[in-house]
PDB file of N, CA and C in Angstrom:
ATOM      1  N   MET A   1      53.481 -14.372   6.097  1.00  0.00           N
ATOM      2  CA  MET A   1      53.726 -13.000   6.479  1.00  0.00           C
ATOM      3  C   MET A   1      52.392 -12.265   6.528  1.00  0.00           C
ATOM      4  N   ALA A   2      52.056 -11.797   7.680  1.00  0.00           N
ATOM      5  CA  ALA A   2      50.778 -11.128   7.854  1.00  0.00           C
ATOM      6  C   ALA A   2      50.969  -9.624   8.035  1.00  0.00           C
ATOM      7  N   GLN A   3      49.997  -8.888   7.520  1.00  0.00           N
ATOM      8  CA  GLN A   3      50.015  -7.437   7.676  1.00  0.00           C
ATOM      9  C   GLN A   3      50.071  -7.091   9.168  1.00  0.00           C
ATOM     10  N   PHE A   4      50.865  -6.090   9.493  1.00  0.00           N
ATOM     11  CA  PHE A   4      51.088  -5.555  10.839  1.00  0.00           C
ATOM     12  C   PHE A   4      51.965  -6.447  11.714  1.00  0.00           C
ATOM     13  N   THR A   5      52.601  -7.461  11.094  1.00  0.00           N
ATOM     14  CA  THR A   5      53.602  -8.230  11.827  1.00  0.00           C
ATOM     15  C   THR A   5      54.825  -7.335  12.025  1.00  0.00           C
ATOM     16  N   VAL A   6      55.413  -7.420  13.202  1.00  0.00           N
ATOM     17  CA  VAL A   6      56.617  -6.660  13.533  1.00  0.00           C
ATOM     18  C   VAL A   6      57.809  -7.603  13.423  1.00  0.00           C
ATOM     19  N   TYR A   7      58.830  -7.159  12.700  1.00  0.00           N
ATOM     20  CA  TYR A   7      60.044  -7.951  12.498  1.00  0.00           C
ATOM     21  C   TYR A   7      61.245  -7.237  13.104  1.00  0.00           C
ATOM     22  N   ARG A   8      62.160  -8.007  13.603  1.00  0.00           N
ATOM     23  CA  ARG A   8      63.430  -7.424  14.061  1.00  0.00           C
ATOM     24  C   ARG A   8      64.198  -6.960  12.826  1.00  0.00           C
ATOM     25  N   ASN A   9      64.743  -5.768  12.920  1.00  0.00           N
ATOM     26  CA  ASN A   9      65.546  -5.225  11.821  1.00  0.00           C
ATOM     27  C   ASN A   9      66.923  -5.858  11.899  1.00  0.00           C
ATOM     28  N   LYS A  10      67.305  -6.597  10.882  1.00  0.00           N
ATOM     29  CA  LYS A  10      68.607  -7.253  10.920  1.00  0.00           C
ATOM     30  C   LYS A  10      69.685  -6.486  10.147  1.00  0.00           C
ATOM     31  N   SER A  11      69.356  -5.293   9.655  1.00  0.00           N
ATOM     32  CA  SER A  11      70.335  -4.474   8.948  1.00  0.00           C
ATOM     33  C   SER A  11      71.329  -3.858   9.936  1.00  0.00           C
ATOM     34  N   ALA A  12      72.591  -4.189   9.784  1.00  0.00           N
ATOM     35  CA  ALA A  12      73.618  -3.639  10.667  1.00  0.00           C
ATOM     36  C   ALA A  12      73.663  -2.112  10.600  1.00  0.00           C
ATOM     37  N   ARG A  13      73.319  -1.567   9.447  1.00  0.00           N
ATOM     38  CA  ARG A  13      73.384  -0.113   9.231  1.00  0.00           C
ATOM     39  C   ARG A  13      72.261   0.642   9.939  1.00  0.00           C
ATOM     40  N   THR A  14      71.084   0.044  10.066  1.00  0.00           N
ATOM     41  CA  THR A  14      69.932   0.794  10.582  1.00  0.00           C
ATOM     42  C   THR A  14      69.293   0.250  11.856  1.00  0.00           C
ATOM     43  N   LYS A  15      69.681  -0.926  12.314  1.00  0.00           N
ATOM     44  CA  LYS A  15      68.959  -1.526  13.435  1.00  0.00           C
ATOM     45  C   LYS A  15      69.121  -0.780  14.760  1.00  0.00           C
ATOM     46  N   ALA A  16      70.179  -0.018  14.938  1.00  0.00           N
ATOM     47  CA  ALA A  16      70.312   0.757  16.173  1.00  0.00           C
ATOM     48  C   ALA A  16      69.267   1.877  16.229  1.00  0.00           C
ATOM     49  N   THR A  17      68.996   2.495  15.095  1.00  0.00           N
ATOM     50  CA  THR A  17      68.008   3.570  15.020  1.00  0.00           C
ATOM     51  C   THR A  17      66.593   3.022  14.916  1.00  0.00           C
ATOM     52  N   PHE A  18      66.438   1.968  14.124  1.00  0.00           N
ATOM     53  CA  PHE A  18      65.133   1.360  13.877  1.00  0.00           C
ATOM     54  C   PHE A  18      65.191  -0.128  14.228  1.00  0.00           C
ATOM     55  N   PRO A  19      64.993  -0.494  15.485  1.00  0.00           N
ATOM     56  CA  PRO A  19      65.145  -1.897  15.877  1.00  0.00           C
ATOM     57  C   PRO A  19      64.082  -2.835  15.322  1.00  0.00           C
ATOM     58  N   PHE A  20      62.927  -2.275  14.936  1.00  0.00           N
ATOM     59  CA  PHE A  20      61.840  -3.101  14.415  1.00  0.00           C
ATOM     60  C   PHE A  20      61.268  -2.507  13.141  1.00  0.00           C
ATOM     61  N   LEU A  21      60.687  -3.372  12.308  1.00  0.00           N
ATOM     62  CA  LEU A  21      60.016  -2.974  11.080  1.00  0.00           C
ATOM     63  C   LEU A  21      58.602  -3.551  11.100  1.00  0.00           C
ATOM     64  N   VAL A  22      57.618  -2.704  10.779  1.00  0.00           N
ATOM     65  CA  VAL A  22      56.222  -3.145  10.746  1.00  0.00           C
ATOM     66  C   VAL A  22      55.829  -3.393   9.296  1.00  0.00           C
ATOM     67  N   ASP A  23      55.402  -4.605   9.005  1.00  0.00           N
ATOM     68  CA  ASP A  23      54.940  -4.963   7.660  1.00  0.00           C
ATOM     69  C   ASP A  23      53.542  -4.376   7.479  1.00  0.00           C
ATOM     70  N   VAL A  24      53.385  -3.468   6.508  1.00  0.00           N
ATOM     71  CA  VAL A  24      52.090  -2.823   6.274  1.00  0.00           C
ATOM     72  C   VAL A  24      51.453  -3.268   4.959  1.00  0.00           C
ATOM     73  N   GLN A  25      52.089  -4.196   4.287  1.00  0.00           N
ATOM     74  CA  GLN A  25      51.593  -4.658   2.984  1.00  0.00           C
ATOM     75  C   GLN A  25      50.389  -5.575   3.159  1.00  0.00           C
ATOM     76  N   SER A  26      49.439  -5.477   2.245  1.00  0.00           N
ATOM     77  CA  SER A  26      48.229  -6.295   2.277  1.00  0.00           C
ATOM     78  C   SER A  26      48.569  -7.787   2.187  1.00  0.00           C
ATOM     79  N   ASP A  27      47.829  -8.571   2.928  1.00  0.00           N
ATOM     80  CA  ASP A  27      47.986 -10.023   2.864  1.00  0.00           C
ATOM     81  C   ASP A  27      47.631 -10.574   1.486  1.00  0.00           C
ATOM     82  N   LEU A  28      46.866  -9.826   0.697  1.00  0.00           N
ATOM     83  CA  LEU A  28      46.503 -10.267  -0.653  1.00  0.00           C
ATOM     84  C   LEU A  28      47.720 -10.356  -1.571  1.00  0.00           C
ATOM     85  N   LEU A  29      48.813  -9.678  -1.193  1.00  0.00           N
ATOM     86  CA  LEU A  29      50.025  -9.655  -2.013  1.00  0.00           C
ATOM     87  C   LEU A  29      51.120 -10.530  -1.402  1.00  0.00           C
ATOM     88  N   GLU A  30      50.708 -11.584  -0.766  1.00  0.00           N
ATOM     89  CA  GLU A  30      51.607 -12.509  -0.081  1.00  0.00           C
ATOM     90  C   GLU A  30      52.676 -13.111  -0.999  1.00  0.00           C
ATOM     91  N   ASP A  31      52.361 -13.300  -2.278  1.00  0.00           N
ATOM     92  CA  ASP A  31      53.286 -13.970  -3.190  1.00  0.00           C
ATOM     93  C   ASP A  31      54.435 -13.091  -3.674  1.00  0.00           C
ATOM     94  N   LEU A  32      54.355 -11.789  -3.450  1.00  0.00           N
ATOM     95  CA  LEU A  32      55.451 -10.905  -3.864  1.00  0.00           C
ATOM     96  C   LEU A  32      56.700 -11.198  -3.042  1.00  0.00           C
ATOM     97  N   GLN A  33      57.854 -10.994  -3.628  1.00  0.00           N
ATOM     98  CA  GLN A  33      59.119 -11.228  -2.923  1.00  0.00           C
ATOM     99  C   GLN A  33      59.597 -10.011  -2.146  1.00  0.00           C
ATOM    100  N   THR A  34      58.786  -8.950  -2.157  1.00  0.00           N
ATOM    101  CA  THR A  34      59.098  -7.746  -1.396  1.00  0.00           C
ATOM    102  C   THR A  34      57.952  -7.451  -0.435  1.00  0.00           C
ATOM    103  N   ARG A  35      58.269  -6.694   0.611  1.00  0.00           N
ATOM    104  CA  ARG A  35      57.274  -6.251   1.585  1.00  0.00           C
ATOM    105  C   ARG A  35      57.467  -4.757   1.815  1.00  0.00           C
ATOM    106  N   VAL A  36      56.362  -4.062   2.056  1.00  0.00           N
ATOM    107  CA  VAL A  36      56.418  -2.649   2.399  1.00  0.00           C
ATOM    108  C   VAL A  36      56.399  -2.569   3.922  1.00  0.00           C
ATOM    109  N   VAL A  37      57.371  -1.851   4.475  1.00  0.00           N
ATOM    110  CA  VAL A  37      57.522  -1.778   5.925  1.00  0.00           C
ATOM    111  C   VAL A  37      57.660  -0.329   6.381  1.00  0.00           C
ATOM    112  N   ILE A  38      57.324  -0.118   7.639  1.00  0.00           N
ATOM    113  CA  ILE A  38      57.570   1.165   8.307  1.00  0.00           C
ATOM    114  C   ILE A  38      58.391   0.859   9.550  1.00  0.00           C
ATOM    115  N   PRO A  39      59.523   1.542   9.732  1.00  0.00           N
ATOM    116  CA  PRO A  39      60.349   1.276  10.907  1.00  0.00           C
ATOM    117  C   PRO A  39      59.770   1.884  12.182  1.00  0.00           C
ATOM    118  N   LEU A  40      60.127   1.262  13.304  1.00  0.00           N
ATOM    119  CA  LEU A  40      59.820   1.788  14.622  1.00  0.00           C
ATOM    120  C   LEU A  40      61.107   2.321  15.232  1.00  0.00           C
ATOM    121  N   SER A  41      61.013   3.494  15.849  1.00  0.00           N
ATOM    122  CA  SER A  41      62.146   4.091  16.549  1.00  0.00           C
ATOM    123  C   SER A  41      61.760   4.266  18.015  1.00  0.00           C
ATOM    124  N   LYS A  42      62.691   4.030  18.929  1.00  0.00           N
ATOM    125  CA  LYS A  42      62.383   4.252  20.342  1.00  0.00           C
ATOM    126  C   LYS A  42      62.030   5.721  20.538  1.00  0.00           C
ATOM    127  N   ALA A  43      60.952   5.969  21.249  1.00  0.00           N
ATOM    128  CA  ALA A  43      60.461   7.338  21.431  1.00  0.00           C
ATOM    129  C   ALA A  43      61.504   8.229  22.093  1.00  0.00           C
ATOM    130  N   GLY A  44      62.247   7.706  23.038  1.00  0.00           N
ATOM    131  CA  GLY A  44      63.255   8.492  23.744  1.00  0.00           C
ATOM    132  C   GLY A  44      64.442   8.889  22.890  1.00  0.00           C
ATOM    133  N   ALA A  45      64.620   8.252  21.744  1.00  0.00           N
ATOM    134  CA  ALA A  45      65.758   8.540  20.872  1.00  0.00           C
ATOM    135  C   ALA A  45      65.517   9.769  19.998  1.00  0.00           C
ATOM    136  N   LEU A  46      64.268  10.226  19.913  1.00  0.00           N
ATOM    137  CA  LEU A  46      63.961  11.366  19.051  1.00  0.00           C
ATOM    138  C   LEU A  46      64.294  12.678  19.744  1.00  0.00           C
ATOM    139  N   THR A  47      64.858  13.606  18.993  1.00  0.00           N
ATOM    140  CA  THR A  47      65.209  14.905  19.564  1.00  0.00           C
ATOM    141  C   THR A  47      64.133  15.957  19.313  1.00  0.00           C
ATOM    142  N   LYS A  48      63.234  15.699  18.362  1.00  0.00           N
ATOM    143  CA  LYS A  48      62.137  16.614  18.063  1.00  0.00           C
ATOM    144  C   LYS A  48      60.819  15.904  18.317  1.00  0.00           C
ATOM    145  N   LYS A  49      59.813  16.667  18.680  1.00  0.00           N
ATOM    146  CA  LYS A  49      58.487  16.092  18.900  1.00  0.00           C
ATOM    147  C   LYS A  49      57.919  15.628  17.564  1.00  0.00           C
ATOM    148  N   PRO A  50      57.474  14.371  17.491  1.00  0.00           N
ATOM    149  CA  PRO A  50      56.933  13.868  16.227  1.00  0.00           C
ATOM    150  C   PRO A  50      55.560  14.455  15.907  1.00  0.00           C
ATOM    151  N   VAL A  51      55.194  14.471  14.621  1.00  0.00           N
ATOM    152  CA  VAL A  51      53.869  14.879  14.182  1.00  0.00           C
ATOM    153  C   VAL A  51      52.931  13.711  14.494  1.00  0.00           C
ATOM    154  N   SER A  52      51.994  13.917  15.396  1.00  0.00           N
ATOM    155  CA  SER A  52      51.212  12.796  15.932  1.00  0.00           C
ATOM    156  C   SER A  52      50.413  12.031  14.881  1.00  0.00           C
ATOM    157  N   HIS A  53      49.838  12.706  13.892  1.00  0.00           N
ATOM    158  CA  HIS A  53      49.056  12.000  12.877  1.00  0.00           C
ATOM    159  C   HIS A  53      49.948  11.175  11.941  1.00  0.00           C
ATOM    160  N   LEU A  54      51.140  11.671  11.708  1.00  0.00           N
ATOM    161  CA  LEU A  54      52.061  11.023  10.780  1.00  0.00           C
ATOM    162  C   LEU A  54      52.926   9.971  11.464  1.00  0.00           C
ATOM    163  N   THR A  55      53.278  10.215  12.687  1.00  0.00           N
ATOM    164  CA  THR A  55      54.188   9.331  13.417  1.00  0.00           C
ATOM    165  C   THR A  55      53.596   9.004  14.795  1.00  0.00           C
ATOM    166  N   PRO A  56      52.582   8.149  14.819  1.00  0.00           N
ATOM    167  CA  PRO A  56      51.935   7.844  16.096  1.00  0.00           C
ATOM    168  C   PRO A  56      52.846   7.083  17.059  1.00  0.00           C
ATOM    169  N   ILE A  57      52.573   7.290  18.332  1.00  0.00           N
ATOM    170  CA  ILE A  57      53.276   6.580  19.395  1.00  0.00           C
ATOM    171  C   ILE A  57      52.599   5.225  19.580  1.00  0.00           C
ATOM    172  N   LEU A  58      53.408   4.170  19.615  1.00  0.00           N
ATOM    173  CA  LEU A  58      52.892   2.808  19.767  1.00  0.00           C
ATOM    174  C   LEU A  58      53.632   2.102  20.892  1.00  0.00           C
ATOM    175  N   GLN A  59      52.906   1.288  21.626  1.00  0.00           N
ATOM    176  CA  GLN A  59      53.523   0.439  22.645  1.00  0.00           C
ATOM    177  C   GLN A  59      53.792  -0.918  22.010  1.00  0.00           C
ATOM    178  N   PHE A  60      55.010  -1.395  22.182  1.00  0.00           N
ATOM    179  CA  PHE A  60      55.356  -2.712  21.668  1.00  0.00           C
ATOM    180  C   PHE A  60      56.426  -3.336  22.548  1.00  0.00           C
ATOM    181  N   ASP A  61      56.227  -4.557  22.925  1.00  0.00           N
ATOM    182  CA  ASP A  61      57.212  -5.318  23.691  1.00  0.00           C
ATOM    183  C   ASP A  61      57.638  -4.573  24.962  1.00  0.00           C
ATOM    184  N   GLY A  62      56.665  -3.898  25.605  1.00  0.00           N
ATOM    185  CA  GLY A  62      56.946  -3.193  26.853  1.00  0.00           C
ATOM    186  C   GLY A  62      57.675  -1.871  26.702  1.00  0.00           C
ATOM    187  N   GLU A  63      57.864  -1.405  25.474  1.00  0.00           N
ATOM    188  CA  GLU A  63      58.575  -0.149  25.203  1.00  0.00           C
ATOM    189  C   GLU A  63      57.677   0.793  24.415  1.00  0.00           C
ATOM    190  N   THR A  64      58.042   2.074  24.413  1.00  0.00           N
ATOM    191  CA  THR A  64      57.322   3.078  23.637  1.00  0.00           C
ATOM    192  C   THR A  64      58.119   3.383  22.378  1.00  0.00           C
ATOM    193  N   TYR A  65      57.444   3.263  21.229  1.00  0.00           N
ATOM    194  CA  TYR A  65      58.070   3.494  19.927  1.00  0.00           C
ATOM    195  C   TYR A  65      57.275   4.519  19.135  1.00  0.00           C
ATOM    196  N   VAL A  66      57.945   5.096  18.162  1.00  0.00           N
ATOM    197  CA  VAL A  66      57.303   5.998  17.210  1.00  0.00           C
ATOM    198  C   VAL A  66      57.296   5.288  15.861  1.00  0.00           C
ATOM    199  N   LEU A  67      56.123   5.242  15.236  1.00  0.00           N
ATOM    200  CA  LEU A  67      56.011   4.689  13.888  1.00  0.00           C
ATOM    201  C   LEU A  67      56.547   5.744  12.927  1.00  0.00           C
ATOM    202  N   MET A  68      57.660   5.467  12.294  1.00  0.00           N
ATOM    203  CA  MET A  68      58.345   6.442  11.451  1.00  0.00           C
ATOM    204  C   MET A  68      57.822   6.367  10.012  1.00  0.00           C
ATOM    205  N   THR A  69      56.564   6.737   9.836  1.00  0.00           N
ATOM    206  CA  THR A  69      55.867   6.621   8.558  1.00  0.00           C
ATOM    207  C   THR A  69      56.612   7.270   7.393  1.00  0.00           C
ATOM    208  N   PRO A  70      57.274   8.439   7.576  1.00  0.00           N
ATOM    209  CA  PRO A  70      58.015   9.015   6.448  1.00  0.00           C
ATOM    210  C   PRO A  70      59.173   8.144   5.962  1.00  0.00           C
ATOM    211  N   GLU A  71      59.559   7.143   6.749  1.00  0.00           N
ATOM    212  CA  GLU A  71      60.649   6.232   6.391  1.00  0.00           C
ATOM    213  C   GLU A  71      60.135   4.963   5.715  1.00  0.00           C
ATOM    214  N   LEU A  72      58.868   4.948   5.320  1.00  0.00           N
ATOM    215  CA  LEU A  72      58.262   3.805   4.640  1.00  0.00           C
ATOM    216  C   LEU A  72      59.190   3.318   3.525  1.00  0.00           C
ATOM    217  N   ALA A  73      59.334   2.002   3.407  1.00  0.00           N
ATOM    218  CA  ALA A  73      60.271   1.456   2.419  1.00  0.00           C
ATOM    219  C   ALA A  73      59.831   0.072   1.963  1.00  0.00           C
ATOM    220  N   GLY A  74      60.329  -0.326   0.823  1.00  0.00           N
ATOM    221  CA  GLY A  74      60.152  -1.680   0.333  1.00  0.00           C
ATOM    222  C   GLY A  74      61.419  -2.464   0.608  1.00  0.00           C
ATOM    223  N   VAL A  75      61.271  -3.678   1.106  1.00  0.00           N
ATOM    224  CA  VAL A  75      62.429  -4.531   1.380  1.00  0.00           C
ATOM    225  C   VAL A  75      62.154  -5.933   0.853  1.00  0.00           C
ATOM    226  N   ALA A  76      63.211  -6.638   0.556  1.00  0.00           N
ATOM    227  CA  ALA A  76      63.087  -8.040   0.151  1.00  0.00           C
ATOM    228  C   ALA A  76      62.633  -8.860   1.359  1.00  0.00           C
ATOM    229  N   ARG A  77      61.781  -9.820   1.106  1.00  0.00           N
ATOM    230  CA  ARG A  77      61.271 -10.666   2.194  1.00  0.00           C
ATOM    231  C   ARG A  77      62.399 -11.284   3.005  1.00  0.00           C
ATOM    232  N   ASN A  78      63.445 -11.755   2.306  1.00  0.00           N
ATOM    233  CA  ASN A  78      64.531 -12.414   3.032  1.00  0.00           C
ATOM    234  C   ASN A  78      65.438 -11.433   3.772  1.00  0.00           C
ATOM    235  N   ASP A  79      65.202 -10.132   3.631  1.00  0.00           N
ATOM    236  CA  ASP A  79      65.955  -9.141   4.410  1.00  0.00           C
ATOM    237  C   ASP A  79      65.279  -8.824   5.737  1.00  0.00           C
ATOM    238  N   LEU A  80      64.099  -9.408   5.959  1.00  0.00           N
ATOM    239  CA  LEU A  80      63.418  -9.215   7.235  1.00  0.00           C
ATOM    240  C   LEU A  80      63.974 -10.189   8.257  1.00  0.00           C
ATOM    241  N   GLY A  81      64.103  -9.717   9.484  1.00  0.00           N
ATOM    242  CA  GLY A  81      64.552 -10.588  10.559  1.00  0.00           C
ATOM    243  C   GLY A  81      63.408 -11.448  11.073  1.00  0.00           C
ATOM    244  N   ALA A  82      63.578 -11.969  12.241  1.00  0.00           N
ATOM    245  CA  ALA A  82      62.573 -12.828  12.856  1.00  0.00           C
ATOM    246  C   ALA A  82      61.345 -12.024  13.264  1.00  0.00           C
ATOM    247  N   ALA A  83      60.187 -12.642  13.146  1.00  0.00           N
ATOM    248  CA  ALA A  83      58.952 -12.004  13.621  1.00  0.00           C
ATOM    249  C   ALA A  83      59.051 -11.834  15.132  1.00  0.00           C
ATOM    250  N   ALA A  84      58.661 -10.645  15.602  1.00  0.00           N
ATOM    251  CA  ALA A  84      58.760 -10.338  17.028  1.00  0.00           C
ATOM    252  C   ALA A  84      57.395 -10.084  17.658  1.00  0.00           C
ATOM    253  N   GLY A  85      56.363  -9.989  16.845  1.00  0.00           N
ATOM    254  CA  GLY A  85      55.036  -9.723  17.380  1.00  0.00           C
ATOM    255  C   GLY A  85      54.132  -9.159  16.304  1.00  0.00           C
ATOM    256  N   ASN A  86      53.048  -8.531  16.742  1.00  0.00           N
ATOM    257  CA  ASN A  86      52.064  -8.007  15.801  1.00  0.00           C
ATOM    258  C   ASN A  86      51.423  -6.754  16.377  1.00  0.00           C
ATOM    259  N   LEU A  87      51.154  -5.789  15.507  1.00  0.00           N
ATOM    260  CA  LEU A  87      50.502  -4.550  15.922  1.00  0.00           C
ATOM    261  C   LEU A  87      49.129  -4.383  15.272  1.00  0.00           C
ATOM    262  N   SER A  88      48.466  -5.486  14.971  1.00  0.00           N
ATOM    263  CA  SER A  88      47.156  -5.384  14.329  1.00  0.00           C
ATOM    264  C   SER A  88      46.144  -4.672  15.223  1.00  0.00           C
ATOM    265  N   ASP A  89      46.374  -4.655  16.532  1.00  0.00           N
ATOM    266  CA  ASP A  89      45.481  -3.919  17.426  1.00  0.00           C
ATOM    267  C   ASP A  89      45.610  -2.402  17.238  1.00  0.00           C
ATOM    268  N   ARG A  90      46.668  -1.952  16.557  1.00  0.00           N
ATOM    269  CA  ARG A  90      46.870  -0.516  16.265  1.00  0.00           C
ATOM    270  C   ARG A  90      46.645  -0.222  14.785  1.00  0.00           C
ATOM    271  N   ARG A  91      45.919  -1.108  14.121  1.00  0.00           N
ATOM    272  CA  ARG A  91      45.629  -0.999  12.683  1.00  0.00           C
ATOM    273  C   ARG A  91      45.130   0.383  12.298  1.00  0.00           C
ATOM    274  N   ASP A  92      44.165   0.922  13.023  1.00  0.00           N
ATOM    275  CA  ASP A  92      43.582   2.218  12.678  1.00  0.00           C
ATOM    276  C   ASP A  92      44.623   3.336  12.710  1.00  0.00           C
ATOM    277  N   ALA A  93      45.462   3.363  13.720  1.00  0.00           N
ATOM    278  CA  ALA A  93      46.491   4.397  13.830  1.00  0.00           C
ATOM    279  C   ALA A  93      47.528   4.270  12.717  1.00  0.00           C
ATOM    280  N   ILE A  94      47.906   3.048  12.389  1.00  0.00           N
ATOM    281  CA  ILE A  94      48.902   2.816  11.332  1.00  0.00           C
ATOM    282  C   ILE A  94      48.346   3.225   9.979  1.00  0.00           C
ATOM    283  N   LEU A  95      47.115   2.808   9.675  1.00  0.00           N
ATOM    284  CA  LEU A  95      46.507   3.173   8.390  1.00  0.00           C
ATOM    285  C   LEU A  95      46.250   4.674   8.300  1.00  0.00           C
ATOM    286  N   ALA A  96      45.881   5.302   9.412  1.00  0.00           N
ATOM    287  CA  ALA A  96      45.681   6.762   9.411  1.00  0.00           C
ATOM    288  C   ALA A  96      46.987   7.489   9.123  1.00  0.00           C
ATOM    289  N   ALA A  97      48.088   7.001   9.672  1.00  0.00           N
ATOM    290  CA  ALA A  97      49.395   7.611   9.417  1.00  0.00           C
ATOM    291  C   ALA A  97      49.787   7.468   7.948  1.00  0.00           C
ATOM    292  N   MET A  98      49.522   6.298   7.363  1.00  0.00           N
ATOM    293  CA  MET A  98      49.839   6.082   5.954  1.00  0.00           C
ATOM    294  C   MET A  98      48.953   6.972   5.079  1.00  0.00           C
ATOM    295  N   ASP A  99      47.698   7.093   5.428  1.00  0.00           N
ATOM    296  CA  ASP A  99      46.784   7.935   4.684  1.00  0.00           C
ATOM    297  C   ASP A  99      47.218   9.393   4.737  1.00  0.00           C
ATOM    298  N   PHE A 100      47.643   9.838   5.921  1.00  0.00           N
ATOM    299  CA  PHE A 100      48.136  11.211   6.064  1.00  0.00           C
ATOM    300  C   PHE A 100      49.386  11.442   5.234  1.00  0.00           C
ATOM    301  N   LEU A 101      50.273  10.462   5.180  1.00  0.00           N
ATOM    302  CA  LEU A 101      51.484  10.557   4.366  1.00  0.00           C
ATOM    303  C   LEU A 101      51.138  10.700   2.890  1.00  0.00           C
ATOM    304  N   LEU A 102      50.154   9.948   2.427  1.00  0.00           N
ATOM    305  CA  LEU A 102      49.821   9.906   1.007  1.00  0.00           C
ATOM    306  C   LEU A 102      48.856  11.004   0.563  1.00  0.00           C
ATOM    307  N   THR A 103      47.941  11.405   1.437  1.00  0.00           N
ATOM    308  CA  THR A 103      46.917  12.370   1.013  1.00  0.00           C
ATOM    309  C   THR A 103      47.011  13.715   1.741  1.00  0.00           C
ATOM    310  N   GLY A 104      47.699  13.756   2.847  1.00  0.00           N
ATOM    311  CA  GLY A 104      47.830  15.008   3.597  1.00  0.00           C
ATOM    312  C   GLY A 104      46.702  15.247   4.575  1.00  0.00           C
ATOM    313  N   PHE A 105      45.787  14.314   4.655  1.00  0.00           N
ATOM    314  CA  PHE A 105      44.712  14.440   5.668  1.00  0.00           C
ATOM    315  C   PHE A 105      44.126  13.078   5.974  1.00  0.00           C
TER     316      PHE A 105
END
């Protein structure tokens, strides 16, 4: 499991709203049985304009998504679906959003 890997959300309760989960946990913590993830929501599904620093717009799998940083969560490794890709090319935007969530700037 590598940092910034995107997984299909297999939760029946949330996958319609958040079809993908981005693993943001450090690779140094590979042995833990949990992963910290941020869900992706389709940009067109949002009714309010997102805060750009907190919820950046990302392109993935030919679609436009919003990184829903305020929805950051810990999940069990076996609750993650299949790997669908990687967003390591957007590392700076993802880390900036997490930093803004935690520090406010």
